[in-house]
């Protein structure tokens, strides 16, 4: 039984949610940030909020990870 519980913890989340702090002040920045995030395969939702300078992400961890998205944003 212990092996099964360990295996269940290693499975990747298909709808993992993350908030990433990104600097951007205008609508043009918002579009570029969201476009860069969506360029990564596995990103399901990317919504940038100018007010709090946060990018809200939903990604499929079976196809990508947070580091992949951060690299695309950089």
N, C-alpha and C. Protein backbone atom coordinates (compact mmCIF):
# COMPACT_ATOMS: atom_id res chain seq x y z
N UNK A 1 0.81 -1.20 0.00
CA UNK A 1 0.00 0.00 0.00
C UNK A 1 0.85 1.27 0.00
N UNK A 2 1.97 1.23 0.65
CA UNK A 2 2.81 2.41 0.71
C UNK A 2 3.26 2.81 -0.69
N UNK A 3 3.58 1.84 -1.53
CA UNK A 3 4.00 2.13 -2.89
C UNK A 3 2.92 2.84 -3.69
N UNK A 4 1.67 2.49 -3.49
CA UNK A 4 0.58 3.14 -4.20
C UNK A 4 0.41 4.59 -3.78
N UNK A 5 0.52 4.89 -2.50
CA UNK A 5 0.36 6.27 -2.06
C UNK A 5 1.51 7.14 -2.55
N UNK A 6 2.71 6.59 -2.62
CA UNK A 6 3.84 7.33 -3.15
C UNK A 6 3.65 7.60 -4.64
N UNK A 7 3.14 6.64 -5.35
CA UNK A 7 2.89 6.80 -6.78
C UNK A 7 1.84 7.87 -7.03
N UNK A 8 0.82 7.92 -6.22
CA UNK A 8 -0.25 8.91 -6.39
C UNK A 8 0.28 10.32 -6.19
N UNK A 9 1.25 10.50 -5.32
CA UNK A 9 1.81 11.83 -5.08
C UNK A 9 2.69 12.29 -6.23
N UNK A 10 3.22 11.38 -7.01
CA UNK A 10 4.10 11.74 -8.12
C UNK A 10 3.35 12.10 -9.38
N UNK A 11 2.04 11.90 -9.42
CA UNK A 11 1.29 12.21 -10.63
C UNK A 11 1.23 13.72 -10.82
N UNK A 12 1.24 14.13 -12.06
CA UNK A 12 1.23 15.54 -12.41
C UNK A 12 -0.20 16.06 -12.48
N UNK A 13 -0.39 17.27 -12.02
CA UNK A 13 -1.71 17.90 -12.00
C UNK A 13 -2.03 18.48 -13.38
N UNK A 14 -3.18 18.16 -13.92
CA UNK A 14 -3.58 18.66 -15.23
C UNK A 14 -4.10 20.09 -15.16
N UNK A 15 -4.43 20.56 -13.97
CA UNK A 15 -4.95 21.92 -13.79
C UNK A 15 -4.25 22.61 -12.62
N UNK A 16 -2.93 22.66 -12.69
CA UNK A 16 -2.16 23.30 -11.63
C UNK A 16 -2.28 24.81 -11.74
N UNK A 17 -2.53 25.47 -10.61
CA UNK A 17 -2.71 26.92 -10.60
C UNK A 17 -1.51 27.59 -9.96
N UNK A 18 -1.05 28.66 -10.59
CA UNK A 18 0.10 29.42 -10.09
C UNK A 18 -0.16 30.90 -10.27
N UNK A 19 0.44 31.71 -9.41
CA UNK A 19 0.46 33.16 -9.56
C UNK A 19 1.92 33.56 -9.66
N UNK A 20 2.26 34.29 -10.73
CA UNK A 20 3.63 34.69 -10.98
C UNK A 20 3.69 36.21 -11.01
N UNK A 21 4.64 36.78 -10.29
CA UNK A 21 4.79 38.23 -10.29
C UNK A 21 5.57 38.64 -11.54
N UNK A 22 4.97 39.57 -12.31
CA UNK A 22 5.56 40.02 -13.57
C UNK A 22 5.40 41.53 -13.64
N UNK A 23 6.43 42.24 -14.11
CA UNK A 23 6.31 43.69 -14.25
C UNK A 23 5.73 44.05 -15.60
N UNK A 24 4.66 44.82 -15.57
CA UNK A 24 4.00 45.31 -16.78
C UNK A 24 2.99 46.35 -16.36
N UNK A 25 2.94 47.49 -17.09
CA UNK A 25 2.12 48.61 -16.62
C UNK A 25 0.95 48.95 -17.52
N UNK A 26 0.87 48.41 -18.72
CA UNK A 26 -0.14 48.88 -19.66
C UNK A 26 -0.81 47.69 -20.37
N UNK A 27 -1.79 48.01 -21.19
CA UNK A 27 -2.51 46.98 -21.94
C UNK A 27 -1.59 46.26 -22.93
N UNK A 28 -0.63 46.98 -23.52
CA UNK A 28 0.30 46.35 -24.46
C UNK A 28 1.16 45.32 -23.72
N UNK A 29 1.62 45.68 -22.52
CA UNK A 29 2.40 44.74 -21.70
C UNK A 29 1.56 43.50 -21.39
N UNK A 30 0.31 43.73 -21.02
CA UNK A 30 -0.61 42.63 -20.68
C UNK A 30 -0.72 41.66 -21.85
N UNK A 31 -0.89 42.17 -23.06
CA UNK A 31 -1.03 41.31 -24.24
C UNK A 31 0.25 40.53 -24.50
N UNK A 32 1.40 41.18 -24.36
CA UNK A 32 2.67 40.51 -24.62
C UNK A 32 2.96 39.43 -23.58
N UNK A 33 2.63 39.71 -22.32
CA UNK A 33 2.85 38.73 -21.25
C UNK A 33 1.96 37.50 -21.47
N UNK A 34 0.70 37.73 -21.76
CA UNK A 34 -0.23 36.62 -21.98
C UNK A 34 0.16 35.82 -23.22
N UNK A 35 0.59 36.51 -24.28
CA UNK A 35 1.00 35.83 -25.51
C UNK A 35 2.22 34.95 -25.25
N UNK A 36 3.18 35.46 -24.48
CA UNK A 36 4.38 34.68 -24.15
C UNK A 36 4.02 33.44 -23.33
N UNK A 37 3.09 33.60 -22.40
CA UNK A 37 2.68 32.45 -21.58
C UNK A 37 2.00 31.39 -22.44
N UNK A 38 1.09 31.83 -23.33
CA UNK A 38 0.38 30.88 -24.18
C UNK A 38 1.29 30.22 -25.23
N UNK A 39 2.49 30.75 -25.44
CA UNK A 39 3.42 30.14 -26.40
C UNK A 39 3.97 28.82 -25.87
N UNK A 40 3.79 28.55 -24.58
CA UNK A 40 4.27 27.31 -23.97
C UNK A 40 3.16 26.26 -24.05
N UNK A 41 3.49 25.12 -24.65
CA UNK A 41 2.51 24.03 -24.73
C UNK A 41 2.16 23.56 -23.33
N UNK A 42 0.88 23.46 -23.05
CA UNK A 42 0.42 23.02 -21.74
C UNK A 42 -0.19 24.12 -20.91
N UNK A 43 -0.06 25.39 -21.36
CA UNK A 43 -0.69 26.50 -20.65
C UNK A 43 -2.15 26.54 -21.06
N UNK A 44 -3.04 26.39 -20.10
CA UNK A 44 -4.48 26.38 -20.37
C UNK A 44 -5.10 27.76 -20.20
N UNK A 45 -4.59 28.53 -19.22
CA UNK A 45 -5.13 29.84 -18.96
C UNK A 45 -4.01 30.74 -18.48
N UNK A 46 -3.95 31.94 -19.03
CA UNK A 46 -2.99 32.95 -18.59
C UNK A 46 -3.70 34.29 -18.59
N UNK A 47 -3.81 34.87 -17.41
CA UNK A 47 -4.51 36.14 -17.29
C UNK A 47 -3.67 37.06 -16.42
N UNK A 48 -3.24 38.19 -17.02
CA UNK A 48 -2.39 39.15 -16.31
C UNK A 48 -3.25 40.27 -15.76
N UNK A 49 -3.02 40.60 -14.49
CA UNK A 49 -3.73 41.70 -13.83
C UNK A 49 -2.74 42.83 -13.59
N UNK A 50 -2.96 43.94 -14.26
CA UNK A 50 -2.06 45.09 -14.17
C UNK A 50 -2.02 45.65 -12.76
N UNK A 51 -3.17 45.68 -12.06
CA UNK A 51 -3.26 46.29 -10.74
C UNK A 51 -2.29 45.66 -9.74
N UNK A 52 -2.27 44.33 -9.66
CA UNK A 52 -1.41 43.66 -8.68
C UNK A 52 -0.16 43.05 -9.31
N UNK A 53 0.03 43.28 -10.61
CA UNK A 53 1.22 42.80 -11.35
C UNK A 53 1.43 41.29 -11.19
N UNK A 54 0.34 40.54 -11.29
CA UNK A 54 0.40 39.07 -11.17
C UNK A 54 -0.19 38.42 -12.40
N UNK A 55 0.48 37.37 -12.85
CA UNK A 55 0.00 36.53 -13.93
C UNK A 55 -0.61 35.29 -13.30
N UNK A 56 -1.90 35.09 -13.51
CA UNK A 56 -2.60 33.93 -12.99
C UNK A 56 -2.57 32.85 -14.08
N UNK A 57 -2.03 31.70 -13.72
CA UNK A 57 -1.83 30.61 -14.69
C UNK A 57 -2.56 29.35 -14.28
N UNK A 58 -3.03 28.61 -15.28
CA UNK A 58 -3.47 27.24 -15.10
C UNK A 58 -2.70 26.45 -16.16
N UNK A 59 -1.90 25.48 -15.70
CA UNK A 59 -1.09 24.70 -16.64
C UNK A 59 -1.30 23.21 -16.42
N UNK A 60 -1.02 22.46 -17.48
CA UNK A 60 -1.03 21.00 -17.42
C UNK A 60 0.41 20.58 -17.13
N UNK A 61 0.66 20.12 -15.92
CA UNK A 61 2.03 19.76 -15.52
C UNK A 61 2.55 18.52 -16.25
N UNK A 62 1.69 17.82 -16.98
CA UNK A 62 2.15 16.69 -17.78
C UNK A 62 2.83 17.19 -19.06
N UNK A 63 2.56 18.44 -19.45
CA UNK A 63 3.12 18.99 -20.69
C UNK A 63 4.17 20.06 -20.45
N UNK A 64 4.11 20.76 -19.33
CA UNK A 64 5.08 21.81 -19.04
C UNK A 64 5.15 22.02 -17.53
N UNK A 65 6.05 22.91 -17.12
CA UNK A 65 6.12 23.26 -15.70
C UNK A 65 6.25 24.78 -15.58
N UNK A 66 6.23 25.26 -14.36
CA UNK A 66 6.27 26.70 -14.13
C UNK A 66 7.55 27.32 -14.66
N UNK A 67 8.66 26.61 -14.57
CA UNK A 67 9.93 27.12 -15.06
C UNK A 67 9.89 27.37 -16.58
N UNK A 68 9.21 26.49 -17.33
CA UNK A 68 9.07 26.68 -18.77
C UNK A 68 8.36 28.00 -19.08
N UNK A 69 7.32 28.30 -18.32
CA UNK A 69 6.56 29.54 -18.53
C UNK A 69 7.41 30.74 -18.15
N UNK A 70 8.12 30.65 -17.04
CA UNK A 70 8.98 31.76 -16.61
C UNK A 70 10.06 32.05 -17.63
N UNK A 71 10.62 31.02 -18.25
CA UNK A 71 11.63 31.22 -19.30
C UNK A 71 11.04 31.93 -20.50
N UNK A 72 9.81 31.56 -20.88
CA UNK A 72 9.15 32.21 -22.01
C UNK A 72 8.87 33.68 -21.71
N UNK A 73 8.54 33.98 -20.47
CA UNK A 73 8.27 35.37 -20.09
C UNK A 73 9.54 36.21 -20.08
N UNK A 74 10.65 35.61 -19.73
CA UNK A 74 11.92 36.35 -19.66
C UNK A 74 12.38 36.69 -21.06
